[in-house]
Amino acid sequence: MTNFQLTPAEIGVLNLLLQGNSNRAIAEILVLSVRTVESHISRALGKTGCRSRLQLSLWWMQQVTEDKRMCASRIPSLPA
C-alpha cells in the first residue's frame, strides 16, 4: 500500500473519515479536539495531493482495497 508517509494518527482519522464521520464525530471517537482532526486531514491532503475530503476518502478507499487484495493474494490456495 502506498502510504505517502502517513502517520498512524492520520491513518486512524482517514479510516473514520472513510466511514462517513464528521470531524466532530472523529474527534469524539478518538478523544481529540476538532482542530487536531482538521490538522490530520489537512496534512493528509497535502501529502496525497488530494484537494477535498471526498477526494481524500476515495483515494484512501482505493489504498485500503488494494492492500486487502495484495494480502489475499499471499494466502496459499487450499487443495481441492
N, C-alpha and C. Protein backbone atom coordinates (compact mmCIF):
# COMPACT_ATOMS: atom_id res chain seq x y z
N MET A 1 0.84 -1.18 0.00
CA MET A 1 0.00 0.00 0.00
C MET A 1 0.88 1.24 0.00
N THR A 2 0.58 2.15 -0.85
CA THR A 2 1.30 3.42 -0.88
C THR A 2 0.73 4.30 0.21
N ASN A 3 1.57 4.72 1.16
CA ASN A 3 1.02 5.50 2.25
C ASN A 3 1.55 6.92 2.31
N PHE A 4 2.41 7.31 1.38
CA PHE A 4 2.91 8.68 1.34
C PHE A 4 3.38 9.15 2.72
N GLN A 5 3.90 8.24 3.50
CA GLN A 5 4.40 8.55 4.84
C GLN A 5 3.31 9.11 5.76
N LEU A 6 2.12 8.57 5.66
CA LEU A 6 1.05 8.97 6.58
C LEU A 6 1.38 8.45 7.97
N THR A 7 1.08 9.26 8.98
CA THR A 7 1.33 8.85 10.36
C THR A 7 0.20 7.92 10.82
N PRO A 8 0.43 7.16 11.88
CA PRO A 8 -0.65 6.32 12.41
C PRO A 8 -1.89 7.16 12.78
N ALA A 9 -1.67 8.36 13.30
CA ALA A 9 -2.80 9.23 13.65
C ALA A 9 -3.59 9.64 12.41
N GLU A 10 -2.89 9.97 11.34
CA GLU A 10 -3.56 10.35 10.09
C GLU A 10 -4.33 9.16 9.52
N ILE A 11 -3.74 7.98 9.60
CA ILE A 11 -4.41 6.78 9.10
C ILE A 11 -5.68 6.51 9.91
N GLY A 12 -5.59 6.67 11.22
CA GLY A 12 -6.77 6.47 12.06
C GLY A 12 -7.89 7.43 11.70
N VAL A 13 -7.55 8.69 11.47
CA VAL A 13 -8.54 9.68 11.08
C VAL A 13 -9.11 9.33 9.71
N LEU A 14 -8.26 8.91 8.77
CA LEU A 14 -8.74 8.55 7.43
C LEU A 14 -9.69 7.36 7.48
N ASN A 15 -9.40 6.39 8.33
CA ASN A 15 -10.30 5.23 8.45
C ASN A 15 -11.68 5.67 8.93
N LEU A 16 -11.72 6.58 9.87
CA LEU A 16 -13.01 7.08 10.37
C LEU A 16 -13.68 7.99 9.35
N LEU A 17 -12.89 8.75 8.62
CA LEU A 17 -13.42 9.61 7.56
C LEU A 17 -14.08 8.75 6.48
N LEU A 18 -13.44 7.65 6.16
CA LEU A 18 -13.95 6.73 5.15
C LEU A 18 -15.30 6.15 5.55
N GLN A 19 -15.55 6.07 6.83
CA GLN A 19 -16.83 5.56 7.33
C GLN A 19 -17.92 6.64 7.32
N GLY A 20 -17.56 7.84 6.87
CA GLY A 20 -18.54 8.91 6.75
C GLY A 20 -18.68 9.79 7.97
N ASN A 21 -17.74 9.71 8.89
CA ASN A 21 -17.81 10.52 10.11
C ASN A 21 -17.43 11.97 9.85
N SER A 22 -18.06 12.86 10.57
CA SER A 22 -17.70 14.28 10.54
C SER A 22 -16.44 14.49 11.38
N ASN A 23 -15.85 15.66 11.24
CA ASN A 23 -14.67 15.97 12.07
C ASN A 23 -15.02 15.90 13.54
N ARG A 24 -16.19 16.40 13.91
CA ARG A 24 -16.61 16.37 15.31
C ARG A 24 -16.75 14.92 15.80
N ALA A 25 -17.37 14.06 15.00
CA ALA A 25 -17.54 12.66 15.39
C ALA A 25 -16.18 11.97 15.51
N ILE A 26 -15.28 12.23 14.57
CA ILE A 26 -13.94 11.65 14.63
C ILE A 26 -13.24 12.10 15.91
N ALA A 27 -13.36 13.39 16.23
CA ALA A 27 -12.74 13.93 17.45
C ALA A 27 -13.29 13.23 18.68
N GLU A 28 -14.59 13.01 18.72
CA GLU A 28 -15.20 12.35 19.88
C GLU A 28 -14.73 10.90 19.98
N ILE A 29 -14.68 10.20 18.86
CA ILE A 29 -14.27 8.79 18.86
C ILE A 29 -12.81 8.65 19.31
N LEU A 30 -11.94 9.53 18.81
CA LEU A 30 -10.52 9.42 19.11
C LEU A 30 -10.09 10.24 20.33
N VAL A 31 -11.05 10.91 20.95
CA VAL A 31 -10.79 11.77 22.11
C VAL A 31 -9.72 12.81 21.76
N LEU A 32 -9.99 13.54 20.70
CA LEU A 32 -9.12 14.62 20.23
C LEU A 32 -9.96 15.88 20.09
N SER A 33 -9.30 17.01 19.89
CA SER A 33 -10.03 18.23 19.58
C SER A 33 -10.38 18.20 18.09
N VAL A 34 -11.42 18.93 17.73
CA VAL A 34 -11.80 19.03 16.32
C VAL A 34 -10.65 19.64 15.54
N ARG A 35 -9.96 20.59 16.11
CA ARG A 35 -8.83 21.23 15.44
C ARG A 35 -7.72 20.23 15.13
N THR A 36 -7.46 19.29 16.04
CA THR A 36 -6.45 18.27 15.80
C THR A 36 -6.86 17.38 14.63
N VAL A 37 -8.14 17.00 14.59
CA VAL A 37 -8.64 16.19 13.48
C VAL A 37 -8.48 16.96 12.17
N GLU A 38 -8.84 18.24 12.19
CA GLU A 38 -8.68 19.08 10.99
C GLU A 38 -7.22 19.12 10.55
N SER A 39 -6.31 19.19 11.51
CA SER A 39 -4.88 19.22 11.18
C SER A 39 -4.43 17.92 10.54
N HIS A 40 -4.89 16.78 11.06
CA HIS A 40 -4.54 15.49 10.48
C HIS A 40 -5.06 15.39 9.04
N ILE A 41 -6.29 15.83 8.83
CA ILE A 41 -6.86 15.78 7.48
C ILE A 41 -6.10 16.72 6.56
N SER A 42 -5.78 17.89 7.04
CA SER A 42 -5.05 18.86 6.23
C SER A 42 -3.68 18.33 5.81
N ARG A 43 -2.98 17.70 6.76
CA ARG A 43 -1.66 17.14 6.43
C ARG A 43 -1.80 15.99 5.44
N ALA A 44 -2.82 15.16 5.61
CA ALA A 44 -3.05 14.04 4.67
C ALA A 44 -3.38 14.58 3.28
N LEU A 45 -4.17 15.65 3.22
CA LEU A 45 -4.46 16.27 1.93
C LEU A 45 -3.17 16.72 1.25
N GLY A 46 -2.32 17.37 2.02
CA GLY A 46 -1.05 17.86 1.47
C GLY A 46 -0.14 16.75 1.00
N LYS A 47 -0.07 15.68 1.76
CA LYS A 47 0.82 14.57 1.42
C LYS A 47 0.34 13.81 0.19
N THR A 48 -0.95 13.72 0.01
CA THR A 48 -1.50 12.91 -1.09
C THR A 48 -1.80 13.72 -2.34
N GLY A 49 -1.88 15.03 -2.20
CA GLY A 49 -2.23 15.87 -3.33
C GLY A 49 -3.72 15.95 -3.59
N CYS A 50 -4.50 15.36 -2.71
CA CYS A 50 -5.96 15.43 -2.84
C CYS A 50 -6.41 16.86 -2.52
N ARG A 51 -7.54 17.25 -3.10
CA ARG A 51 -8.00 18.64 -2.92
C ARG A 51 -9.23 18.77 -2.05
N SER A 52 -9.84 17.65 -1.66
CA SER A 52 -11.05 17.73 -0.85
C SER A 52 -11.16 16.48 0.03
N ARG A 53 -12.04 16.57 1.02
CA ARG A 53 -12.29 15.41 1.89
C ARG A 53 -12.81 14.24 1.06
N LEU A 54 -13.69 14.54 0.10
CA LEU A 54 -14.26 13.49 -0.75
C LEU A 54 -13.16 12.80 -1.55
N GLN A 55 -12.31 13.60 -2.19
CA GLN A 55 -11.23 13.03 -2.98
C GLN A 55 -10.29 12.22 -2.08
N LEU A 56 -10.02 12.73 -0.89
CA LEU A 56 -9.15 12.02 0.06
C LEU A 56 -9.80 10.70 0.47
N SER A 57 -11.09 10.71 0.74
CA SER A 57 -11.80 9.48 1.11
C SER A 57 -11.75 8.45 -0.01
N LEU A 58 -11.97 8.90 -1.24
CA LEU A 58 -11.92 7.97 -2.37
C LEU A 58 -10.52 7.42 -2.57
N TRP A 59 -9.51 8.29 -2.43
CA TRP A 59 -8.12 7.84 -2.54
C TRP A 59 -7.83 6.80 -1.46
N TRP A 60 -8.25 7.06 -0.22
CA TRP A 60 -7.97 6.15 0.88
C TRP A 60 -8.69 4.82 0.68
N MET A 61 -9.92 4.86 0.17
CA MET A 61 -10.67 3.64 -0.10
C MET A 61 -9.91 2.78 -1.12
N GLN A 62 -9.35 3.42 -2.12
CA GLN A 62 -8.58 2.69 -3.13
C GLN A 62 -7.34 2.06 -2.50
N GLN A 63 -6.67 2.79 -1.62
CA GLN A 63 -5.47 2.26 -0.96
C GLN A 63 -5.81 1.04 -0.12
N VAL A 64 -6.89 1.14 0.64
CA VAL A 64 -7.30 0.04 1.52
C VAL A 64 -7.70 -1.17 0.69
N THR A 65 -8.43 -0.95 -0.39
CA THR A 65 -8.86 -2.04 -1.27
C THR A 65 -7.66 -2.74 -1.89
N GLU A 66 -6.70 -1.97 -2.37
CA GLU A 66 -5.50 -2.57 -2.97
C GLU A 66 -4.71 -3.35 -1.93
N ASP A 67 -4.64 -2.84 -0.70
CA ASP A 67 -3.91 -3.53 0.36
C ASP A 67 -4.58 -4.87 0.67
N LYS A 68 -5.91 -4.88 0.75
CA LYS A 68 -6.63 -6.13 1.03
C LYS A 68 -6.42 -7.13 -0.09
N ARG A 69 -6.43 -6.65 -1.33
CA ARG A 69 -6.23 -7.52 -2.48
C ARG A 69 -4.83 -8.14 -2.44
N MET A 70 -3.83 -7.34 -2.09
CA MET A 70 -2.46 -7.83 -2.02
C MET A 70 -2.33 -8.88 -0.91
N CYS A 71 -2.97 -8.64 0.22
CA CYS A 71 -2.91 -9.60 1.33
C CYS A 71 -3.58 -10.91 0.94
N ALA A 72 -4.74 -10.82 0.27
CA ALA A 72 -5.47 -12.01 -0.14
C ALA A 72 -4.66 -12.83 -1.14
N SER A 73 -3.89 -12.16 -1.99
CA SER A 73 -3.12 -12.90 -3.00
C SER A 73 -1.95 -13.66 -2.38
N ARG A 74 -1.60 -13.34 -1.17
CA ARG A 74 -0.48 -14.01 -0.49
C ARG A 74 -0.93 -15.28 0.23
N ILE A 75 -2.23 -15.48 0.37
CA ILE A 75 -2.75 -16.66 1.07
C ILE A 75 -2.74 -17.83 0.10
N PRO A 76 -2.06 -18.91 0.46
CA PRO A 76 -2.00 -20.05 -0.46
C PRO A 76 -3.38 -20.69 -0.62
N SER A 77 -3.62 -21.22 -1.79
CA SER A 77 -4.88 -21.92 -2.06
C SER A 77 -4.88 -23.25 -1.34
N LEU A 78 -6.07 -23.65 -0.89
CA LEU A 78 -6.21 -24.95 -0.26
C LEU A 78 -6.38 -26.00 -1.34
N PRO A 79 -5.85 -27.20 -1.11
CA PRO A 79 -6.04 -28.26 -2.10
C PRO A 79 -7.51 -28.65 -2.20
N ALA A 80 -7.95 -29.02 -3.39
CA ALA A 80 -9.36 -29.37 -3.62
C ALA A 80 -9.67 -30.75 -3.10
